[in-house]
Amino acid sequence: MNHKEAILYVEDIVRKNEPFCEWQINNIHRLVLKAIDDEYAGVYIDQKVIIAGAKYEPLEPMLIKEEMERLIDWYNNESQTLHLIQRAALVLLIKYIQQTKMMIV
């Protein structure tokens, strides 16, 4: 429903060559969830989430901001020597590893 607006926002970020930051991620989240879940659109969850039937457990709410900051720092610094497609793939891989690690624990 709101994906078109979010995609246009991302295209604008790229066109302006803006550095990747937490504020942008939260804005994209807000645009996608607008009028769907206004309470949590653009903000981190503030309570434990349990997904029925899943082995995956999302991060504890108090860890989300710290992990997001670590990801953005890595992306803006260490990953800059990589090709854009490699960076995108590694962001997805980091997310997968985080989920897998949570399932093992």
N, C-alpha and C. Protein backbone atom coordinates (compact mmCIF):
# COMPACT_ATOMS: atom_id res chain seq x y z
N MET A 1 0.82 -1.19 0.00
CA MET A 1 0.00 0.00 0.00
C MET A 1 0.87 1.26 0.00
N ASN A 2 1.82 1.34 0.91
CA ASN A 2 2.66 2.53 1.04
C ASN A 2 4.04 2.34 0.43
N HIS A 3 4.25 1.22 -0.22
CA HIS A 3 5.59 0.93 -0.73
C HIS A 3 6.05 1.93 -1.79
N LYS A 4 5.12 2.40 -2.62
CA LYS A 4 5.51 3.35 -3.66
C LYS A 4 6.13 4.60 -3.05
N GLU A 5 5.49 5.14 -2.01
CA GLU A 5 6.01 6.34 -1.34
C GLU A 5 7.38 6.06 -0.72
N ALA A 6 7.55 4.88 -0.13
CA ALA A 6 8.84 4.52 0.47
C ALA A 6 9.92 4.39 -0.60
N ILE A 7 9.58 3.79 -1.73
CA ILE A 7 10.54 3.63 -2.82
C ILE A 7 10.95 5.00 -3.37
N LEU A 8 9.99 5.89 -3.54
CA LEU A 8 10.31 7.24 -4.01
C LEU A 8 11.23 7.96 -3.02
N TYR A 9 11.00 7.74 -1.73
CA TYR A 9 11.85 8.33 -0.69
C TYR A 9 13.28 7.79 -0.81
N VAL A 10 13.43 6.48 -0.98
CA VAL A 10 14.75 5.87 -1.12
C VAL A 10 15.44 6.40 -2.38
N GLU A 11 14.71 6.51 -3.48
CA GLU A 11 15.29 7.06 -4.71
C GLU A 11 15.78 8.49 -4.49
N ASP A 12 15.05 9.26 -3.70
CA ASP A 12 15.45 10.64 -3.39
C ASP A 12 16.74 10.66 -2.57
N ILE A 13 16.85 9.74 -1.61
CA ILE A 13 18.07 9.63 -0.79
C ILE A 13 19.27 9.34 -1.69
N VAL A 14 19.09 8.39 -2.61
CA VAL A 14 20.17 8.01 -3.52
C VAL A 14 20.53 9.18 -4.44
N ARG A 15 19.51 9.84 -4.98
CA ARG A 15 19.74 10.96 -5.89
C ARG A 15 20.53 12.08 -5.21
N LYS A 16 20.25 12.30 -3.92
CA LYS A 16 20.94 13.35 -3.17
C LYS A 16 22.27 12.87 -2.58
N ASN A 17 22.57 11.57 -2.77
CA ASN A 17 23.80 10.97 -2.25
C ASN A 17 23.95 11.19 -0.74
N GLU A 18 22.84 11.02 -0.03
CA GLU A 18 22.86 11.20 1.42
C GLU A 18 23.52 10.00 2.09
N PRO A 19 24.27 10.23 3.16
CA PRO A 19 24.86 9.10 3.88
C PRO A 19 23.77 8.27 4.57
N PHE A 20 24.01 6.98 4.65
CA PHE A 20 23.09 6.03 5.27
C PHE A 20 23.01 6.31 6.77
N CYS A 21 21.79 6.44 7.30
CA CYS A 21 21.65 6.72 8.73
C CYS A 21 20.37 6.11 9.31
N GLU A 22 20.33 6.05 10.61
CA GLU A 22 19.21 5.47 11.34
C GLU A 22 17.91 6.23 11.05
N TRP A 23 17.99 7.53 10.94
CA TRP A 23 16.81 8.36 10.69
C TRP A 23 16.12 7.95 9.39
N GLN A 24 16.92 7.65 8.35
CA GLN A 24 16.35 7.22 7.07
C GLN A 24 15.62 5.88 7.22
N ILE A 25 16.23 4.95 7.92
CA ILE A 25 15.60 3.65 8.12
C ILE A 25 14.26 3.81 8.83
N ASN A 26 14.25 4.63 9.87
CA ASN A 26 13.00 4.85 10.59
C ASN A 26 11.96 5.54 9.72
N ASN A 27 12.38 6.45 8.85
CA ASN A 27 11.44 7.11 7.93
C ASN A 27 10.86 6.12 6.92
N ILE A 28 11.69 5.23 6.40
CA ILE A 28 11.20 4.22 5.46
C ILE A 28 10.17 3.34 6.17
N HIS A 29 10.49 2.93 7.38
CA HIS A 29 9.58 2.10 8.17
C HIS A 29 8.26 2.85 8.41
N ARG A 30 8.36 4.14 8.72
CA ARG A 30 7.16 4.95 8.96
C ARG A 30 6.31 5.03 7.70
N LEU A 31 6.94 5.23 6.55
CA LEU A 31 6.20 5.33 5.30
C LEU A 31 5.49 4.02 4.96
N VAL A 32 6.17 2.89 5.16
CA VAL A 32 5.57 1.60 4.83
C VAL A 32 4.40 1.28 5.76
N LEU A 33 4.51 1.62 7.04
CA LEU A 33 3.46 1.28 8.01
C LEU A 33 2.39 2.37 8.19
N LYS A 34 2.55 3.48 7.50
CA LYS A 34 1.59 4.59 7.64
C LYS A 34 0.17 4.09 7.36
N ALA A 35 -0.74 4.39 8.29
CA ALA A 35 -2.15 4.01 8.21
C ALA A 35 -2.37 2.50 8.36
N ILE A 36 -1.31 1.76 8.64
CA ILE A 36 -1.43 0.32 8.90
C ILE A 36 -1.21 0.06 10.38
N ASP A 37 -0.13 0.63 10.91
CA ASP A 37 0.20 0.49 12.33
C ASP A 37 0.89 1.78 12.78
N ASP A 38 0.10 2.83 12.89
CA ASP A 38 0.64 4.15 13.20
C ASP A 38 1.40 4.21 14.53
N GLU A 39 1.01 3.38 15.49
CA GLU A 39 1.66 3.41 16.80
C GLU A 39 3.14 3.03 16.70
N TYR A 40 3.47 2.07 15.84
CA TYR A 40 4.84 1.60 15.72
C TYR A 40 5.52 2.00 14.41
N ALA A 41 4.88 2.81 13.62
CA ALA A 41 5.47 3.24 12.36
C ALA A 41 6.64 4.18 12.63
N GLY A 42 7.83 3.76 12.22
CA GLY A 42 9.01 4.60 12.35
C GLY A 42 9.69 4.58 13.70
N VAL A 43 9.27 3.69 14.58
CA VAL A 43 9.89 3.60 15.91
C VAL A 43 10.24 2.14 16.21
N TYR A 44 11.18 1.97 17.13
CA TYR A 44 11.54 0.63 17.55
C TYR A 44 10.49 0.08 18.50
N ILE A 45 10.32 -1.22 18.46
CA ILE A 45 9.37 -1.83 19.39
C ILE A 45 9.83 -1.59 20.82
N ASP A 46 8.89 -1.52 21.73
CA ASP A 46 9.24 -1.25 23.13
C ASP A 46 8.83 -2.39 24.05
N GLN A 47 8.47 -3.53 23.45
CA GLN A 47 8.10 -4.69 24.24
C GLN A 47 8.55 -5.96 23.53
N LYS A 48 8.70 -7.02 24.28
CA LYS A 48 9.15 -8.30 23.74
C LYS A 48 8.14 -8.81 22.71
N VAL A 49 8.65 -9.29 21.59
CA VAL A 49 7.80 -9.83 20.53
C VAL A 49 8.00 -11.34 20.47
N ILE A 50 6.90 -12.05 20.41
CA ILE A 50 6.94 -13.51 20.26
C ILE A 50 6.17 -13.85 18.99
N ILE A 51 6.79 -14.65 18.13
CA ILE A 51 6.16 -15.05 16.88
C ILE A 51 5.70 -16.49 17.04
N ALA A 52 4.40 -16.67 17.09
CA ALA A 52 3.81 -18.00 17.31
C ALA A 52 4.28 -18.98 16.24
N GLY A 53 4.75 -20.14 16.68
CA GLY A 53 5.18 -21.20 15.77
C GLY A 53 6.56 -21.03 15.17
N ALA A 54 7.25 -19.96 15.52
CA ALA A 54 8.59 -19.71 14.95
C ALA A 54 9.67 -20.01 15.98
N LYS A 55 10.81 -20.50 15.50
CA LYS A 55 11.97 -20.70 16.38
C LYS A 55 12.72 -19.39 16.59
N TYR A 56 12.58 -18.49 15.63
CA TYR A 56 13.26 -17.19 15.70
C TYR A 56 12.65 -16.32 16.79
N GLU A 57 13.51 -15.70 17.57
CA GLU A 57 13.08 -14.74 18.57
C GLU A 57 13.71 -13.39 18.23
N PRO A 58 12.89 -12.38 17.98
CA PRO A 58 13.46 -11.06 17.69
C PRO A 58 14.30 -10.54 18.85
N LEU A 59 15.18 -9.62 18.54
CA LEU A 59 16.02 -9.01 19.58
C LEU A 59 15.18 -8.43 20.70
N GLU A 60 15.77 -8.43 21.88
CA GLU A 60 15.14 -7.73 22.99
C GLU A 60 15.06 -6.26 22.63
N PRO A 61 13.96 -5.60 22.96
CA PRO A 61 13.80 -4.19 22.59
C PRO A 61 14.97 -3.29 23.01
N MET A 62 15.56 -3.57 24.17
CA MET A 62 16.64 -2.70 24.64
C MET A 62 17.92 -2.85 23.82
N LEU A 63 18.02 -3.89 22.98
CA LEU A 63 19.22 -4.12 22.16
C LEU A 63 19.09 -3.60 20.73
N ILE A 64 17.89 -3.28 20.30
CA ILE A 64 17.65 -2.93 18.90
C ILE A 64 18.43 -1.69 18.47
N LYS A 65 18.35 -0.62 19.21
CA LYS A 65 19.03 0.63 18.84
C LYS A 65 20.54 0.42 18.75
N GLU A 66 21.11 -0.29 19.71
CA GLU A 66 22.55 -0.56 19.71
C GLU A 66 22.96 -1.38 18.50
N GLU A 67 22.20 -2.41 18.17
CA GLU A 67 22.52 -3.25 17.01
C GLU A 67 22.35 -2.47 15.70
N MET A 68 21.35 -1.62 15.64
CA MET A 68 21.15 -0.78 14.45
C MET A 68 22.33 0.17 14.28
N GLU A 69 22.79 0.76 15.37
CA GLU A 69 23.94 1.66 15.30
C GLU A 69 25.19 0.92 14.83
N ARG A 70 25.38 -0.30 15.31
CA ARG A 70 26.53 -1.11 14.87
C ARG A 70 26.46 -1.41 13.38
N LEU A 71 25.26 -1.77 12.89
CA LEU A 71 25.09 -2.06 11.47
C LEU A 71 25.38 -0.82 10.62
N ILE A 72 24.85 0.31 11.01
CA ILE A 72 25.06 1.55 10.25
C ILE A 72 26.52 1.96 10.27
N ASP A 73 27.17 1.81 11.41
CA ASP A 73 28.60 2.13 11.50
C ASP A 73 29.40 1.23 10.56
N TRP A 74 29.11 -0.07 10.57
CA TRP A 74 29.79 -1.00 9.67
C TRP A 74 29.54 -0.60 8.22
N TYR A 75 28.30 -0.32 7.90
CA TYR A 75 27.94 0.02 6.52
C TYR A 75 28.66 1.28 6.06
N ASN A 76 28.69 2.30 6.89
CA ASN A 76 29.28 3.58 6.50
C ASN A 76 30.81 3.58 6.55
N ASN A 77 31.41 2.60 7.17
CA ASN A 77 32.87 2.57 7.29
C ASN A 77 33.48 1.34 6.63
N GLU A 78 33.45 0.22 7.30
CA GLU A 78 34.13 -0.98 6.81
C GLU A 78 33.62 -1.47 5.46
N SER A 79 32.33 -1.34 5.19
CA SER A 79 31.77 -1.91 3.96
C SER A 79 32.03 -1.06 2.72
N GLN A 80 32.55 0.12 2.88
CA GLN A 80 32.68 1.05 1.74
C GLN A 80 33.66 0.57 0.67
N THR A 81 34.52 -0.38 0.98
CA THR A 81 35.44 -0.91 -0.02
C THR A 81 34.76 -1.96 -0.90
N LEU A 82 33.56 -2.38 -0.52
CA LEU A 82 32.85 -3.42 -1.25
C LEU A 82 31.97 -2.82 -2.35
N HIS A 83 31.69 -3.63 -3.36
CA HIS A 83 30.74 -3.24 -4.40
C HIS A 83 29.36 -3.11 -3.76
N LEU A 84 28.52 -2.26 -4.29
CA LEU A 84 27.19 -2.00 -3.75
C LEU A 84 26.38 -3.29 -3.58
N ILE A 85 26.44 -4.18 -4.55
CA ILE A 85 25.69 -5.44 -4.46
C ILE A 85 26.25 -6.30 -3.34
N GLN A 86 27.57 -6.31 -3.15
CA GLN A 86 28.17 -7.06 -2.04
C GLN A 86 27.69 -6.50 -0.70
N ARG A 87 27.66 -5.18 -0.60
CA ARG A 87 27.19 -4.56 0.65
C ARG A 87 25.75 -4.94 0.94
N ALA A 88 24.90 -4.87 -0.06
CA ALA A 88 23.48 -5.21 0.13
C ALA A 88 23.34 -6.67 0.55
N ALA A 89 24.10 -7.55 -0.10
CA ALA A 89 24.04 -8.97 0.25
C ALA A 89 24.52 -9.21 1.68
N LEU A 90 25.56 -8.51 2.08
CA LEU A 90 26.07 -8.68 3.44
C LEU A 90 25.10 -8.16 4.50
N VAL A 91 24.40 -7.09 4.19
CA VAL A 91 23.38 -6.60 5.13
C VAL A 91 22.33 -7.69 5.34
N LEU A 92 21.89 -8.32 4.25
CA LEU A 92 20.92 -9.41 4.37
C LEU A 92 21.52 -10.60 5.11
N LEU A 93 22.78 -10.92 4.84
CA LEU A 93 23.45 -12.02 5.52
C LEU A 93 23.60 -11.75 7.01
N ILE A 94 23.95 -10.53 7.37
CA ILE A 94 24.08 -10.17 8.79
C ILE A 94 22.74 -10.37 9.48
N LYS A 95 21.66 -9.97 8.83
CA LYS A 95 20.32 -10.15 9.40
C LYS A 95 20.03 -11.64 9.57
N TYR A 96 20.37 -12.46 8.56
CA TYR A 96 20.14 -13.90 8.63
C TYR A 96 20.94 -14.54 9.76
N ILE A 97 22.21 -14.15 9.89
CA ILE A 97 23.06 -14.69 10.95
C ILE A 97 22.50 -14.31 12.31
N GLN A 98 22.05 -13.09 12.45
CA GLN A 98 21.47 -12.64 13.71
C GLN A 98 20.26 -13.51 14.05
N GLN A 99 19.43 -13.80 13.05
CA GLN A 99 18.25 -14.64 13.30
C GLN A 99 18.66 -16.07 13.64
N THR A 100 19.64 -16.61 12.90
CA THR A 100 20.10 -17.97 13.14
C THR A 100 20.71 -18.10 14.53
N LYS A 101 21.53 -17.12 14.90
CA LYS A 101 22.16 -17.14 16.23
C LYS A 101 21.09 -17.15 17.31
N MET A 102 20.04 -16.39 17.11
CA MET A 102 18.97 -16.33 18.08
C MET A 102 18.26 -17.68 18.18
N MET A 103 18.15 -18.42 17.05
CA MET A 103 17.48 -19.72 17.08
C MET A 103 18.32 -20.75 17.82
N ILE A 104 19.64 -20.64 17.72
CA ILE A 104 20.54 -21.61 18.34
C ILE A 104 20.56 -21.44 19.86
N VAL A 105 20.53 -20.20 20.30
CA VAL A 105 20.63 -19.91 21.72
C VAL A 105 19.52 -20.47 22.50
